[in-house]
Amino acid sequence: MDNDKEKKYQEIIATKDQTIAQLKKDIDRLQEEFDNFKIINADHQKLNGKLRLEVNKLKKENDSFKDPLNDLRKDGDL
């Protein structure tokens, strides 16, 4: 009977070892995904900043084209 108990304990231990090994793999995978997310997020923030600057520049440029005669009126040429 002790032999049966020992077998069951060994099976339980083996199952727990497999679970632990799988959890360690999951931790490694999740850590890699998180690291990738941080890299992507940082790159996205940089790109977003550049795009905002470009949009602001284009808005100013567009504002100058709204009434091109305005500058000539201000200068007294019209």
PDB file of N, CA and C in Angstrom:
ATOM      1  N   MET A   1       0.820  -1.194   0.000  1.00  0.00           N
ATOM      2  CA  MET A   1       0.000   0.000   0.000  1.00  0.00           C
ATOM      3  C   MET A   1       0.860   1.253   0.000  1.00  0.00           C
ATOM      4  N   ASP A   2       1.996   1.205   0.699  1.00  0.00           N
ATOM      5  CA  ASP A   2       2.901   2.348   0.699  1.00  0.00           C
ATOM      6  C   ASP A   2       3.440   2.618  -0.704  1.00  0.00           C
ATOM      7  N   ASN A   3       3.613   1.557  -1.467  1.00  0.00           N
ATOM      8  CA  ASN A   3       4.111   1.691  -2.823  1.00  0.00           C
ATOM      9  C   ASN A   3       3.113   2.463  -3.692  1.00  0.00           C
ATOM     10  N   ASP A   4       1.813   2.207  -3.502  1.00  0.00           N
ATOM     11  CA  ASP A   4       0.776   2.926  -4.248  1.00  0.00           C
ATOM     12  C   ASP A   4       0.770   4.404  -3.886  1.00  0.00           C
ATOM     13  N   LYS A   5       0.910   4.690  -2.611  1.00  0.00           N
ATOM     14  CA  LYS A   5       0.939   6.091  -2.168  1.00  0.00           C
ATOM     15  C   LYS A   5       2.147   6.807  -2.757  1.00  0.00           C
ATOM     16  N   GLU A   6       3.265   6.138  -2.737  1.00  0.00           N
ATOM     17  CA  GLU A   6       4.491   6.728  -3.264  1.00  0.00           C
ATOM     18  C   GLU A   6       4.342   7.004  -4.761  1.00  0.00           C
ATOM     19  N   LYS A   7       3.719   6.074  -5.494  1.00  0.00           N
ATOM     20  CA  LYS A   7       3.485   6.270  -6.924  1.00  0.00           C
ATOM     21  C   LYS A   7       2.598   7.487  -7.169  1.00  0.00           C
ATOM     22  N   LYS A   8       1.531   7.615  -6.363  1.00  0.00           N
ATOM     23  CA  LYS A   8       0.619   8.744  -6.508  1.00  0.00           C
ATOM     24  C   LYS A   8       1.344  10.052  -6.218  1.00  0.00           C
ATOM     25  N   TYR A   9       2.156  10.068  -5.185  1.00  0.00           N
ATOM     26  CA  TYR A   9       2.914  11.274  -4.854  1.00  0.00           C
ATOM     27  C   TYR A   9       3.889  11.646  -5.973  1.00  0.00           C
ATOM     28  N   GLN A  10       4.522  10.625  -6.535  1.00  0.00           N
ATOM     29  CA  GLN A  10       5.447  10.888  -7.635  1.00  0.00           C
ATOM     30  C   GLN A  10       4.708  11.438  -8.857  1.00  0.00           C
ATOM     31  N   GLU A  11       3.516  10.921  -9.117  1.00  0.00           N
ATOM     32  CA  GLU A  11       2.706  11.437 -10.225  1.00  0.00           C
ATOM     33  C   GLU A  11       2.296  12.884  -9.964  1.00  0.00           C
ATOM     34  N   ILE A  12       1.911  13.156  -8.728  1.00  0.00           N
ATOM     35  CA  ILE A  12       1.522  14.518  -8.364  1.00  0.00           C
ATOM     36  C   ILE A  12       2.715  15.459  -8.522  1.00  0.00           C
ATOM     37  N   ILE A  13       3.859  15.022  -8.052  1.00  0.00           N
ATOM     38  CA  ILE A  13       5.071  15.836  -8.160  1.00  0.00           C
ATOM     39  C   ILE A  13       5.424  16.062  -9.631  1.00  0.00           C
ATOM     40  N   ALA A  14       5.316  15.032 -10.441  1.00  0.00           N
ATOM     41  CA  ALA A  14       5.627  15.151 -11.867  1.00  0.00           C
ATOM     42  C   ALA A  14       4.663  16.135 -12.528  1.00  0.00           C
ATOM     43  N   THR A  15       3.395  16.055 -12.179  1.00  0.00           N
ATOM     44  CA  THR A  15       2.399  16.972 -12.732  1.00  0.00           C
ATOM     45  C   THR A  15       2.701  18.405 -12.308  1.00  0.00           C
ATOM     46  N   LYS A  16       3.036  18.581 -11.042  1.00  0.00           N
ATOM     47  CA  LYS A  16       3.361  19.924 -10.540  1.00  0.00           C
ATOM     48  C   LYS A  16       4.615  20.455 -11.228  1.00  0.00           C
ATOM     49  N   ASP A  17       5.614  19.592 -11.447  1.00  0.00           N
ATOM     50  CA  ASP A  17       6.839  20.015 -12.140  1.00  0.00           C
ATOM     51  C   ASP A  17       6.525  20.462 -13.566  1.00  0.00           C
ATOM     52  N   GLN A  18       5.628  19.734 -14.243  1.00  0.00           N
ATOM     53  CA  GLN A  18       5.233  20.124 -15.597  1.00  0.00           C
ATOM     54  C   GLN A  18       4.503  21.468 -15.581  1.00  0.00           C
ATOM     55  N   THR A  19       3.643  21.642 -14.592  1.00  0.00           N
ATOM     56  CA  THR A  19       2.908  22.900 -14.465  1.00  0.00           C
ATOM     57  C   THR A  19       3.869  24.055 -14.221  1.00  0.00           C
ATOM     58  N   ILE A  20       4.830  23.837 -13.344  1.00  0.00           N
ATOM     59  CA  ILE A  20       5.828  24.877 -13.048  1.00  0.00           C
ATOM     60  C   ILE A  20       6.639  25.209 -14.296  1.00  0.00           C
ATOM     61  N   ALA A  21       7.054  24.193 -15.028  1.00  0.00           N
ATOM     62  CA  ALA A  21       7.827  24.418 -16.252  1.00  0.00           C
ATOM     63  C   ALA A  21       7.005  25.204 -17.267  1.00  0.00           C
ATOM     64  N   GLN A  22       5.724  24.863 -17.416  1.00  0.00           N
ATOM     65  CA  GLN A  22       4.863  25.575 -18.353  1.00  0.00           C
ATOM     66  C   GLN A  22       4.657  27.015 -17.906  1.00  0.00           C
ATOM     67  N   LEU A  23       4.480  27.230 -16.605  1.00  0.00           N
ATOM     68  CA  LEU A  23       4.305  28.588 -16.093  1.00  0.00           C
ATOM     69  C   LEU A  23       5.561  29.433 -16.317  1.00  0.00           C
ATOM     70  N   LYS A  24       6.733  28.816 -16.163  1.00  0.00           N
ATOM     71  CA  LYS A  24       7.978  29.544 -16.424  1.00  0.00           C
ATOM     72  C   LYS A  24       8.072  29.939 -17.899  1.00  0.00           C
ATOM     73  N   LYS A  25       7.657  29.047 -18.792  1.00  0.00           N
ATOM     74  CA  LYS A  25       7.644  29.370 -20.223  1.00  0.00           C
ATOM     75  C   LYS A  25       6.669  30.509 -20.502  1.00  0.00           C
ATOM     76  N   ASP A  26       5.514  30.449 -19.859  1.00  0.00           N
ATOM     77  CA  ASP A  26       4.514  31.512 -20.032  1.00  0.00           C
ATOM     78  C   ASP A  26       5.049  32.852 -19.527  1.00  0.00           C
ATOM     79  N   ILE A  27       5.743  32.835 -18.414  1.00  0.00           N
ATOM     80  CA  ILE A  27       6.337  34.064 -17.874  1.00  0.00           C
ATOM     81  C   ILE A  27       7.341  34.639 -18.861  1.00  0.00           C
ATOM     82  N   ASP A  28       8.199  33.789 -19.408  1.00  0.00           N
ATOM     83  CA  ASP A  28       9.187  34.245 -20.390  1.00  0.00           C
ATOM     84  C   ASP A  28       8.510  34.833 -21.629  1.00  0.00           C
ATOM     85  N   ARG A  29       7.474  34.156 -22.110  1.00  0.00           N
ATOM     86  CA  ARG A  29       6.750  34.629 -23.290  1.00  0.00           C
ATOM     87  C   ARG A  29       6.081  35.977 -23.005  1.00  0.00           C
ATOM     88  N   LEU A  30       5.438  36.079 -21.851  1.00  0.00           N
ATOM     89  CA  LEU A  30       4.762  37.325 -21.500  1.00  0.00           C
ATOM     90  C   LEU A  30       5.751  38.464 -21.302  1.00  0.00           C
ATOM     91  N   GLN A  31       6.905  38.154 -20.737  1.00  0.00           N
ATOM     92  CA  GLN A  31       7.927  39.185 -20.555  1.00  0.00           C
ATOM     93  C   GLN A  31       8.416  39.692 -21.906  1.00  0.00           C
ATOM     94  N   GLU A  32       8.612  38.771 -22.849  1.00  0.00           N
ATOM     95  CA  GLU A  32       9.041  39.165 -24.194  1.00  0.00           C
ATOM     96  C   GLU A  32       7.973  40.022 -24.875  1.00  0.00           C
ATOM     97  N   GLU A  33       6.717  39.623 -24.739  1.00  0.00           N
ATOM     98  CA  GLU A  33       5.636  40.413 -25.323  1.00  0.00           C
ATOM     99  C   GLU A  33       5.572  41.805 -24.692  1.00  0.00           C
ATOM    100  N   PHE A  34       5.756  41.873 -23.388  1.00  0.00           N
ATOM    101  CA  PHE A  34       5.732  43.162 -22.698  1.00  0.00           C
ATOM    102  C   PHE A  34       6.889  44.042 -23.156  1.00  0.00           C
ATOM    103  N   ASP A  35       8.073  43.466 -23.288  1.00  0.00           N
ATOM    104  CA  ASP A  35       9.232  44.223 -23.771  1.00  0.00           C
ATOM    105  C   ASP A  35       8.976  44.749 -25.183  1.00  0.00           C
ATOM    106  N   ASN A  36       8.392  43.912 -26.032  1.00  0.00           N
ATOM    107  CA  ASN A  36       8.048  44.349 -27.397  1.00  0.00           C
ATOM    108  C   ASN A  36       7.031  45.477 -27.363  1.00  0.00           C
ATOM    109  N   PHE A  37       6.052  45.361 -26.471  1.00  0.00           N
ATOM    110  CA  PHE A  37       5.049  46.415 -26.334  1.00  0.00           C
ATOM    111  C   PHE A  37       5.697  47.733 -25.924  1.00  0.00           C
ATOM    112  N   LYS A  38       6.628  47.680 -24.995  1.00  0.00           N
ATOM    113  CA  LYS A  38       7.298  48.915 -24.553  1.00  0.00           C
ATOM    114  C   LYS A  38       8.066  49.561 -25.707  1.00  0.00           C
ATOM    115  N   ILE A  39       8.730  48.749 -26.513  1.00  0.00           N
ATOM    116  CA  ILE A  39       9.480  49.269 -27.666  1.00  0.00           C
ATOM    117  C   ILE A  39       8.519  49.906 -28.670  1.00  0.00           C
ATOM    118  N   ILE A  40       7.445  49.199 -28.979  1.00  0.00           N
ATOM    119  CA  ILE A  40       6.461  49.713 -29.940  1.00  0.00           C
ATOM    120  C   ILE A  40       5.827  50.987 -29.417  1.00  0.00           C
ATOM    121  N   ASN A  41       5.504  51.018 -28.130  1.00  0.00           N
ATOM    122  CA  ASN A  41       4.871  52.195 -27.543  1.00  0.00           C
ATOM    123  C   ASN A  41       5.802  53.406 -27.605  1.00  0.00           C
ATOM    124  N   ALA A  42       7.072  53.206 -27.300  1.00  0.00           N
ATOM    125  CA  ALA A  42       8.035  54.313 -27.351  1.00  0.00           C
ATOM    126  C   ALA A  42       8.177  54.827 -28.789  1.00  0.00           C
ATOM    127  N   ASP A  43       8.268  53.913 -29.741  1.00  0.00           N
ATOM    128  CA  ASP A  43       8.375  54.314 -31.148  1.00  0.00           C
ATOM    129  C   ASP A  43       7.105  55.044 -31.598  1.00  0.00           C
ATOM    130  N   HIS A  44       5.969  54.567 -31.134  1.00  0.00           N
ATOM    131  CA  HIS A  44       4.700  55.202 -31.493  1.00  0.00           C
ATOM    132  C   HIS A  44       4.655  56.633 -30.944  1.00  0.00           C
ATOM    133  N   GLN A  45       5.110  56.823 -29.722  1.00  0.00           N
ATOM    134  CA  GLN A  45       5.105  58.163 -29.136  1.00  0.00           C
ATOM    135  C   GLN A  45       6.022  59.105 -29.915  1.00  0.00           C
ATOM    136  N   LYS A  46       7.192  58.619 -30.313  1.00  0.00           N
ATOM    137  CA  LYS A  46       8.109  59.449 -31.103  1.00  0.00           C
ATOM    138  C   LYS A  46       7.471  59.821 -32.443  1.00  0.00           C
ATOM    139  N   LEU A  47       6.898  58.824 -33.101  1.00  0.00           N
ATOM    140  CA  LEU A  47       6.259  59.068 -34.394  1.00  0.00           C
ATOM    141  C   LEU A  47       5.084  60.029 -34.244  1.00  0.00           C
ATOM    142  N   ASN A  48       4.298  59.842 -33.205  1.00  0.00           N
ATOM    143  CA  ASN A  48       3.154  60.714 -32.964  1.00  0.00           C
ATOM    144  C   ASN A  48       3.615  62.161 -32.756  1.00  0.00           C
ATOM    145  N   GLY A  49       4.701  62.344 -32.015  1.00  0.00           N
ATOM    146  CA  GLY A  49       5.240  63.690 -31.812  1.00  0.00           C
ATOM    147  C   GLY A  49       5.674  64.328 -33.123  1.00  0.00           C
ATOM    148  N   LYS A  50       6.369  63.556 -33.964  1.00  0.00           N
ATOM    149  CA  LYS A  50       6.806  64.075 -35.264  1.00  0.00           C
ATOM    150  C   LYS A  50       5.611  64.431 -36.139  1.00  0.00           C
ATOM    151  N   LEU A  51       4.591  63.575 -36.110  1.00  0.00           N
ATOM    152  CA  LEU A  51       3.407  63.835 -36.927  1.00  0.00           C
ATOM    153  C   LEU A  51       2.669  65.084 -36.447  1.00  0.00           C
ATOM    154  N   ARG A  52       2.607  65.292 -35.144  1.00  0.00           N
ATOM    155  CA  ARG A  52       1.961  66.498 -34.622  1.00  0.00           C
ATOM    156  C   ARG A  52       2.692  67.749 -35.081  1.00  0.00           C
ATOM    157  N   LEU A  53       4.020  67.706 -35.051  1.00  0.00           N
ATOM    158  CA  LEU A  53       4.796  68.853 -35.522  1.00  0.00           C
ATOM    159  C   LEU A  53       4.523  69.116 -37.002  1.00  0.00           C
ATOM    160  N   GLU A  54       4.489  68.045 -37.779  1.00  0.00           N
ATOM    161  CA  GLU A  54       4.236  68.181 -39.217  1.00  0.00           C
ATOM    162  C   GLU A  54       2.829  68.724 -39.470  1.00  0.00           C
ATOM    163  N   VAL A  55       1.851  68.236 -38.722  1.00  0.00           N
ATOM    164  CA  VAL A  55       0.472  68.722 -38.881  1.00  0.00           C
ATOM    165  C   VAL A  55       0.398  70.206 -38.537  1.00  0.00           C
ATOM    166  N   ASN A  56       1.033  70.610 -37.451  1.00  0.00           N
ATOM    167  CA  ASN A  56       1.023  72.031 -37.077  1.00  0.00           C
ATOM    168  C   ASN A  56       1.686  72.894 -38.148  1.00  0.00           C
ATOM    169  N   LYS A  57       2.783  72.393 -38.699  1.00  0.00           N
ATOM    170  CA  LYS A  57       3.471  73.118 -39.758  1.00  0.00           C
ATOM    171  C   LYS A  57       2.558  73.282 -40.976  1.00  0.00           C
ATOM    172  N   LEU A  58       1.888  72.193 -41.344  1.00  0.00           N
ATOM    173  CA  LEU A  58       0.998  72.240 -42.500  1.00  0.00           C
ATOM    174  C   LEU A  58      -0.213  73.132 -42.250  1.00  0.00           C
ATOM    175  N   LYS A  59      -0.708  73.153 -41.008  1.00  0.00           N
ATOM    176  CA  LYS A  59      -1.826  74.043 -40.684  1.00  0.00           C
ATOM    177  C   LYS A  59      -1.422  75.502 -40.871  1.00  0.00           C
ATOM    178  N   LYS A  60      -0.233  75.841 -40.387  1.00  0.00           N
ATOM    179  CA  LYS A  60       0.250  77.215 -40.551  1.00  0.00           C
ATOM    180  C   LYS A  60       0.418  77.543 -42.032  1.00  0.00           C
ATOM    181  N   GLU A  61       0.951  76.592 -42.755  1.00  0.00           N
ATOM    182  CA  GLU A  61       1.141  76.782 -44.196  1.00  0.00           C
ATOM    183  C   GLU A  61      -0.212  76.973 -44.892  1.00  0.00           C
ATOM    184  N   ASN A  62      -1.181  76.173 -44.533  1.00  0.00           N
ATOM    185  CA  ASN A  62      -2.516  76.296 -45.119  1.00  0.00           C
ATOM    186  C   ASN A  62      -3.152  77.635 -44.756  1.00  0.00           C
ATOM    187  N   ASP A  63      -2.943  78.083 -43.525  1.00  0.00           N
ATOM    188  CA  ASP A  63      -3.493  79.374 -43.116  1.00  0.00           C
ATOM    189  C   ASP A  63      -2.945  80.499 -43.985  1.00  0.00           C
ATOM    190  N   SER A  64      -1.696  80.389 -44.377  1.00  0.00           N
ATOM    191  CA  SER A  64      -1.099  81.438 -45.205  1.00  0.00           C
ATOM    192  C   SER A  64      -1.681  81.442 -46.628  1.00  0.00           C
ATOM    193  N   PHE A  65      -2.265  80.327 -47.065  1.00  0.00           N
ATOM    194  CA  PHE A  65      -2.853  80.245 -48.395  1.00  0.00           C
ATOM    195  C   PHE A  65      -4.336  80.616 -48.418  1.00  0.00           C
ATOM    196  N   LYS A  66      -4.930  80.801 -47.255  1.00  0.00           N
ATOM    197  CA  LYS A  66      -6.363  81.084 -47.212  1.00  0.00           C
ATOM    198  C   LYS A  66      -6.696  82.359 -47.981  1.00  0.00           C
ATOM    199  N   ASP A  67      -5.940  83.405 -47.757  1.00  0.00           N
ATOM    200  CA  ASP A  67      -6.195  84.660 -48.459  1.00  0.00           C
ATOM    201  C   ASP A  67      -4.860  85.240 -48.891  1.00  0.00           C
ATOM    202  N   PRO A  68      -4.337  84.800 -50.050  1.00  0.00           N
ATOM    203  CA  PRO A  68      -3.023  85.258 -50.483  1.00  0.00           C
ATOM    204  C   PRO A  68      -2.973  86.763 -50.754  1.00  0.00           C
ATOM    205  N   LEU A  69      -4.120  87.360 -51.005  1.00  0.00           N
ATOM    206  CA  LEU A  69      -4.136  88.805 -51.251  1.00  0.00           C
ATOM    207  C   LEU A  69      -4.003  89.597 -49.957  1.00  0.00           C
ATOM    208  N   ASN A  70      -4.187  88.934 -48.856  1.00  0.00           N
ATOM    209  CA  ASN A  70      -4.132  89.598 -47.554  1.00  0.00           C
ATOM    210  C   ASN A  70      -2.776  90.262 -47.325  1.00  0.00           C
ATOM    211  N   ASP A  71      -1.700  89.555 -47.639  1.00  0.00           N
ATOM    212  CA  ASP A  71      -0.365  90.113 -47.462  1.00  0.00           C
ATOM    213  C   ASP A  71      -0.151  91.322 -48.375  1.00  0.00           C
ATOM    214  N   LEU A  72      -0.651  91.206 -49.589  1.00  0.00           N
ATOM    215  CA  LEU A  72      -0.501  92.333 -50.518  1.00  0.00           C
ATOM    216  C   LEU A  72      -1.284  93.555 -50.026  1.00  0.00           C
ATOM    217  N   ARG A  73      -2.453  93.322 -49.434  1.00  0.00           N
ATOM    218  CA  ARG A  73      -3.244  94.425 -48.890  1.00  0.00           C
ATOM    219  C   ARG A  73      -2.505  95.079 -47.726  1.00  0.00           C
ATOM    220  N   LYS A  74      -1.909  94.250 -46.892  1.00  0.00           N
ATOM    221  CA  LYS A  74      -1.177  94.763 -45.723  1.00  0.00           C
ATOM    222  C   LYS A  74       0.018  95.606 -46.167  1.00  0.00           C
ATOM    223  N   ASP A  75       0.679  95.154 -47.229  1.00  0.00           N
ATOM    224  CA  ASP A  75       1.860  95.868 -47.714  1.00  0.00           C
ATOM    225  C   ASP A  75       1.475  97.123 -48.492  1.00  0.00           C
ATOM    226  N   GLY A  76       0.228  97.258 -48.832  1.00  0.00           N
ATOM    227  CA  GLY A  76      -0.232  98.421 -49.580  1.00  0.00           C
ATOM    228  C   GLY A  76      -0.075  98.264 -51.079  1.00  0.00           C
ATOM    229  N   ASP A  77       0.227  97.089 -51.532  1.00  0.00           N
ATOM    230  CA  ASP A  77       0.408  96.869 -52.964  1.00  0.00           C
ATOM    231  C   ASP A  77      -0.942  96.732 -53.683  1.00  0.00           C
ATOM    232  N   LEU A  78      -2.030  96.572 -52.955  1.00  0.00           N
ATOM    233  CA  LEU A  78      -3.353  96.459 -53.594  1.00  0.00           C
ATOM    234  C   LEU A  78      -4.273  97.528 -53.088  1.00  0.00           C
TER     235      LEU A  78
END
